[in-house]
Amino acid sequence: MSGAVESVGEMSVFDPDCTSREVLEHATGRWGGLTLACLVGGPLRFAEVRRAVSGISDRMLSQTLQRLEADGLVSRTQHSAIPPRVDYALTELGRPIAERVCDLIDAIYAQLPGIVAHQRGLDAATGSGGD
């Protein structure tokens, strides 16, 4: 076992006190996963991330980026320009995680017809009319 892994102790995402659970929530939560996925194509400005992640408020995006930056998954680079410019990019730690999030999105796309059919079947069976 490497020294880095030993320093964080026993890891289990199923343990509520394990740091991995918190990082998993940041990386795969409603906004974190979408934010990471949009940065796979390269650095983006705040407004570009907001446009890519449709439906997120400025405040929530700011909080999401701050959490991902605190986890070391995203970097924030401020350029001395007029007007001021800030770019967000994946770090070496963040890129493989973001790529796995994209793999999950691809798997969802591949299974979506079956998922939708199943949801509609359940809606019809329960009379909930989820549409």
C-alpha atoms as a PDB file:
ATOM      1  CA  MET A   1       0.000   0.000   0.000  1.00  0.00           C
ATOM      2  CA  SER A   2       1.402   3.429  -0.892  1.00  0.00           C
ATOM      3  CA  GLY A   3       2.178   6.042   1.752  1.00  0.00           C
ATOM      4  CA  ALA A   4      -0.462   8.390   0.344  1.00  0.00           C
ATOM      5  CA  VAL A   5      -3.203   5.811   0.757  1.00  0.00           C
ATOM      6  CA  GLU A   6      -1.975   4.864   4.237  1.00  0.00           C
ATOM      7  CA  SER A   7      -2.134   8.510   5.309  1.00  0.00           C
ATOM      8  CA  VAL A   8      -5.904   8.669   4.706  1.00  0.00           C
ATOM      9  CA  GLY A   9      -6.472   5.384   6.509  1.00  0.00           C
ATOM     10  CA  GLU A  10      -8.967   2.684   5.660  1.00  0.00           C
ATOM     11  CA  MET A  11     -11.191   3.802   2.790  1.00  0.00           C
ATOM     12  CA  SER A  12     -14.801   2.788   2.350  1.00  0.00           C
ATOM     13  CA  VAL A  13     -17.305   4.965   0.554  1.00  0.00           C
ATOM     14  CA  PHE A  14     -19.973   3.143   2.550  1.00  0.00           C
ATOM     15  CA  ASP A  15     -18.558   4.554   5.815  1.00  0.00           C
ATOM     16  CA  PRO A  16     -20.257   7.915   6.503  1.00  0.00           C
ATOM     17  CA  ASP A  17     -17.026   9.271   8.021  1.00  0.00           C
ATOM     18  CA  CYS A  18     -14.813   8.397   5.040  1.00  0.00           C
ATOM     19  CA  THR A  19     -13.550  11.385   3.053  1.00  0.00           C
ATOM     20  CA  SER A  20     -14.187   9.456  -0.159  1.00  0.00           C
ATOM     21  CA  ARG A  21     -17.936   9.727   0.457  1.00  0.00           C
ATOM     22  CA  GLU A  22     -17.748  13.522   0.582  1.00  0.00           C
ATOM     23  CA  VAL A  23     -15.654  13.676  -2.596  1.00  0.00           C
ATOM     24  CA  LEU A  24     -18.053  11.246  -4.304  1.00  0.00           C
ATOM     25  CA  GLU A  25     -20.942  13.566  -3.431  1.00  0.00           C
ATOM     26  CA  HIS A  26     -19.068  16.584  -4.800  1.00  0.00           C
ATOM     27  CA  ALA A  27     -18.099  14.782  -8.018  1.00  0.00           C
ATOM     28  CA  THR A  28     -21.396  13.041  -8.731  1.00  0.00           C
ATOM     29  CA  GLY A  29     -23.984  15.257  -7.087  1.00  0.00           C
ATOM     30  CA  ARG A  30     -26.561  17.072  -9.174  1.00  0.00           C
ATOM     31  CA  TRP A  31     -24.250  19.909 -10.209  1.00  0.00           C
ATOM     32  CA  GLY A  32     -20.758  18.549  -9.546  1.00  0.00           C
ATOM     33  CA  GLY A  33     -20.931  15.799 -12.146  1.00  0.00           C
ATOM     34  CA  LEU A  34     -22.275  18.120 -14.819  1.00  0.00           C
ATOM     35  CA  THR A  35     -19.634  20.733 -13.995  1.00  0.00           C
ATOM     36  CA  LEU A  36     -16.816  18.187 -14.218  1.00  0.00           C
ATOM     37  CA  ALA A  37     -18.206  16.767 -17.466  1.00  0.00           C
ATOM     38  CA  CYS A  38     -18.350  20.155 -19.172  1.00  0.00           C
ATOM     39  CA  LEU A  39     -14.700  20.829 -18.283  1.00  0.00           C
ATOM     40  CA  VAL A  40     -13.468  17.664 -20.036  1.00  0.00           C
ATOM     41  CA  GLY A  41     -13.232  19.675 -23.273  1.00  0.00           C
ATOM     42  CA  GLY A  42     -10.840  22.189 -21.734  1.00  0.00           C
ATOM     43  CA  PRO A  43     -10.767  25.304 -19.571  1.00  0.00           C
ATOM     44  CA  LEU A  44     -13.882  27.470 -19.451  1.00  0.00           C
ATOM     45  CA  ARG A  45     -14.851  30.809 -17.982  1.00  0.00           C
ATOM     46  CA  PHE A  46     -17.536  30.962 -15.304  1.00  0.00           C
ATOM     47  CA  ALA A  47     -20.212  32.143 -17.764  1.00  0.00           C
ATOM     48  CA  GLU A  48     -19.288  29.355 -20.192  1.00  0.00           C
ATOM     49  CA  VAL A  49     -19.681  26.740 -17.469  1.00  0.00           C
ATOM     50  CA  ARG A  50     -23.020  28.293 -16.464  1.00  0.00           C
ATOM     51  CA  ARG A  51     -24.263  28.105 -20.082  1.00  0.00           C
ATOM     52  CA  ALA A  52     -23.065  24.505 -20.432  1.00  0.00           C
ATOM     53  CA  VAL A  53     -24.715  23.434 -17.165  1.00  0.00           C
ATOM     54  CA  SER A  54     -28.149  24.773 -17.976  1.00  0.00           C
ATOM     55  CA  GLY A  55     -30.396  25.466 -14.991  1.00  0.00           C
ATOM     56  CA  ILE A  56     -27.720  26.127 -12.370  1.00  0.00           C
ATOM     57  CA  SER A  57     -27.783  29.450 -10.518  1.00  0.00           C
ATOM     58  CA  ASP A  58     -24.684  31.627 -10.240  1.00  0.00           C
ATOM     59  CA  ARG A  59     -24.572  30.999  -6.494  1.00  0.00           C
ATOM     60  CA  MET A  60     -24.821  27.218  -6.830  1.00  0.00           C
ATOM     61  CA  LEU A  61     -22.210  27.134  -9.599  1.00  0.00           C
ATOM     62  CA  SER A  62     -19.859  29.232  -7.484  1.00  0.00           C
ATOM     63  CA  GLN A  63     -20.316  26.863  -4.519  1.00  0.00           C
ATOM     64  CA  THR A  64     -19.869  23.810  -6.750  1.00  0.00           C
ATOM     65  CA  LEU A  65     -16.657  25.149  -8.291  1.00  0.00           C
ATOM     66  CA  GLN A  66     -15.320  26.071  -4.841  1.00  0.00           C
ATOM     67  CA  ARG A  67     -15.985  22.542  -3.529  1.00  0.00           C
ATOM     68  CA  LEU A  68     -14.380  20.927  -6.575  1.00  0.00           C
ATOM     69  CA  GLU A  69     -11.406  23.279  -6.244  1.00  0.00           C
ATOM     70  CA  ALA A  70     -11.084  22.469  -2.512  1.00  0.00           C
ATOM     71  CA  ASP A  71     -11.036  18.755  -3.423  1.00  0.00           C
ATOM     72  CA  GLY A  72      -8.252  19.406  -5.947  1.00  0.00           C
ATOM     73  CA  LEU A  73     -10.387  18.351  -8.920  1.00  0.00           C
ATOM     74  CA  VAL A  74     -10.678  21.790 -10.546  1.00  0.00           C
ATOM     75  CA  SER A  75      -8.206  24.659 -10.783  1.00  0.00           C
ATOM     76  CA  ARG A  76      -9.078  28.339 -10.880  1.00  0.00           C
ATOM     77  CA  THR A  77      -6.759  30.641 -12.826  1.00  0.00           C
ATOM     78  CA  GLN A  78      -7.220  34.384 -12.610  1.00  0.00           C
ATOM     79  CA  HIS A  79      -5.740  36.334 -15.527  1.00  0.00           C
ATOM     80  CA  SER A  80      -4.706  39.948 -15.132  1.00  0.00           C
ATOM     81  CA  ALA A  81      -6.723  41.375 -17.977  1.00  0.00           C
ATOM     82  CA  ILE A  82      -9.358  44.032 -18.400  1.00  0.00           C
ATOM     83  CA  PRO A  83     -12.020  42.966 -17.797  1.00  0.00           C
ATOM     84  CA  PRO A  84     -10.732  40.413 -15.269  1.00  0.00           C
ATOM     85  CA  ARG A  85     -10.858  36.838 -16.529  1.00  0.00           C
ATOM     86  CA  VAL A  86     -11.014  33.609 -14.556  1.00  0.00           C
ATOM     87  CA  ASP A  87     -10.706  30.172 -16.135  1.00  0.00           C
ATOM     88  CA  TYR A  88     -11.681  26.852 -14.580  1.00  0.00           C
ATOM     89  CA  ALA A  89      -9.997  23.628 -15.657  1.00  0.00           C
ATOM     90  CA  LEU A  90      -9.664  20.030 -14.580  1.00  0.00           C
ATOM     91  CA  THR A  91      -6.553  19.150 -12.610  1.00  0.00           C
ATOM     92  CA  GLU A  92      -4.548  15.934 -12.924  1.00  0.00           C
ATOM     93  CA  LEU A  93      -6.647  14.602 -10.045  1.00  0.00           C
ATOM     94  CA  GLY A  94      -9.902  15.761 -11.609  1.00  0.00           C
ATOM     95  CA  ARG A  95      -9.457  14.591 -15.198  1.00  0.00           C
ATOM     96  CA  PRO A  96      -9.801  10.816 -14.589  1.00  0.00           C
ATOM     97  CA  ILE A  97     -12.801  11.397 -12.335  1.00  0.00           C
ATOM     98  CA  ALA A  98     -14.451  13.688 -14.899  1.00  0.00           C
ATOM     99  CA  GLU A  99     -13.820  11.096 -17.614  1.00  0.00           C
ATOM    100  CA  ARG A 100     -15.561   8.443 -15.476  1.00  0.00           C
ATOM    101  CA  VAL A 101     -18.503  10.829 -14.988  1.00  0.00           C
ATOM    102  CA  CYS A 102     -18.671  11.123 -18.793  1.00  0.00           C
ATOM    103  CA  ASP A 103     -18.592   7.311 -19.031  1.00  0.00           C
ATOM    104  CA  LEU A 104     -21.556   7.192 -16.632  1.00  0.00           C
ATOM    105  CA  ILE A 105     -23.410   9.766 -18.748  1.00  0.00           C
ATOM    106  CA  ASP A 106     -22.705   7.678 -21.872  1.00  0.00           C
ATOM    107  CA  ALA A 107     -24.025   4.555 -20.117  1.00  0.00           C
ATOM    108  CA  ILE A 108     -27.198   6.424 -19.169  1.00  0.00           C
ATOM    109  CA  TYR A 109     -27.644   7.598 -22.773  1.00  0.00           C
ATOM    110  CA  ALA A 110     -27.173   4.011 -24.008  1.00  0.00           C
ATOM    111  CA  GLN A 111     -29.768   2.656 -21.579  1.00  0.00           C
ATOM    112  CA  LEU A 112     -32.189   5.594 -21.745  1.00  0.00           C
ATOM    113  CA  PRO A 113     -34.720   4.043 -24.159  1.00  0.00           C
ATOM    114  CA  GLY A 114     -35.130   1.054 -21.838  1.00  0.00           C
ATOM    115  CA  ILE A 115     -35.239   3.259 -18.753  1.00  0.00           C
ATOM    116  CA  VAL A 116     -37.934   5.493 -20.255  1.00  0.00           C
ATOM    117  CA  ALA A 117     -39.960   2.453 -21.344  1.00  0.00           C
ATOM    118  CA  HIS A 118     -39.678   1.021 -17.840  1.00  0.00           C
ATOM    119  CA  GLN A 119     -40.718   4.324 -16.253  1.00  0.00           C
ATOM    120  CA  ARG A 120     -43.722   4.579 -18.556  1.00  0.00           C
ATOM    121  CA  GLY A 121     -44.666   0.986 -17.793  1.00  0.00           C
ATOM    122  CA  LEU A 122     -44.546   1.707 -14.067  1.00  0.00           C
ATOM    123  CA  ASP A 123     -46.529   4.917 -14.543  1.00  0.00           C
ATOM    124  CA  ALA A 124     -49.206   3.009 -16.475  1.00  0.00           C
ATOM    125  CA  ALA A 125     -49.302   0.222 -13.892  1.00  0.00           C
ATOM    126  CA  THR A 126     -49.608   2.607 -10.948  1.00  0.00           C
ATOM    127  CA  GLY A 127     -51.706   5.218 -12.723  1.00  0.00           C
ATOM    128  CA  SER A 128     -49.275   7.932 -11.646  1.00  0.00           C
ATOM    129  CA  GLY A 129     -49.005   9.474 -15.130  1.00  0.00           C
ATOM    130  CA  GLY A 130     -45.467  10.790 -14.559  1.00  0.00           C
ATOM    131  CA  ASP A 131     -45.431  12.748 -17.848  1.00  0.00           C
END
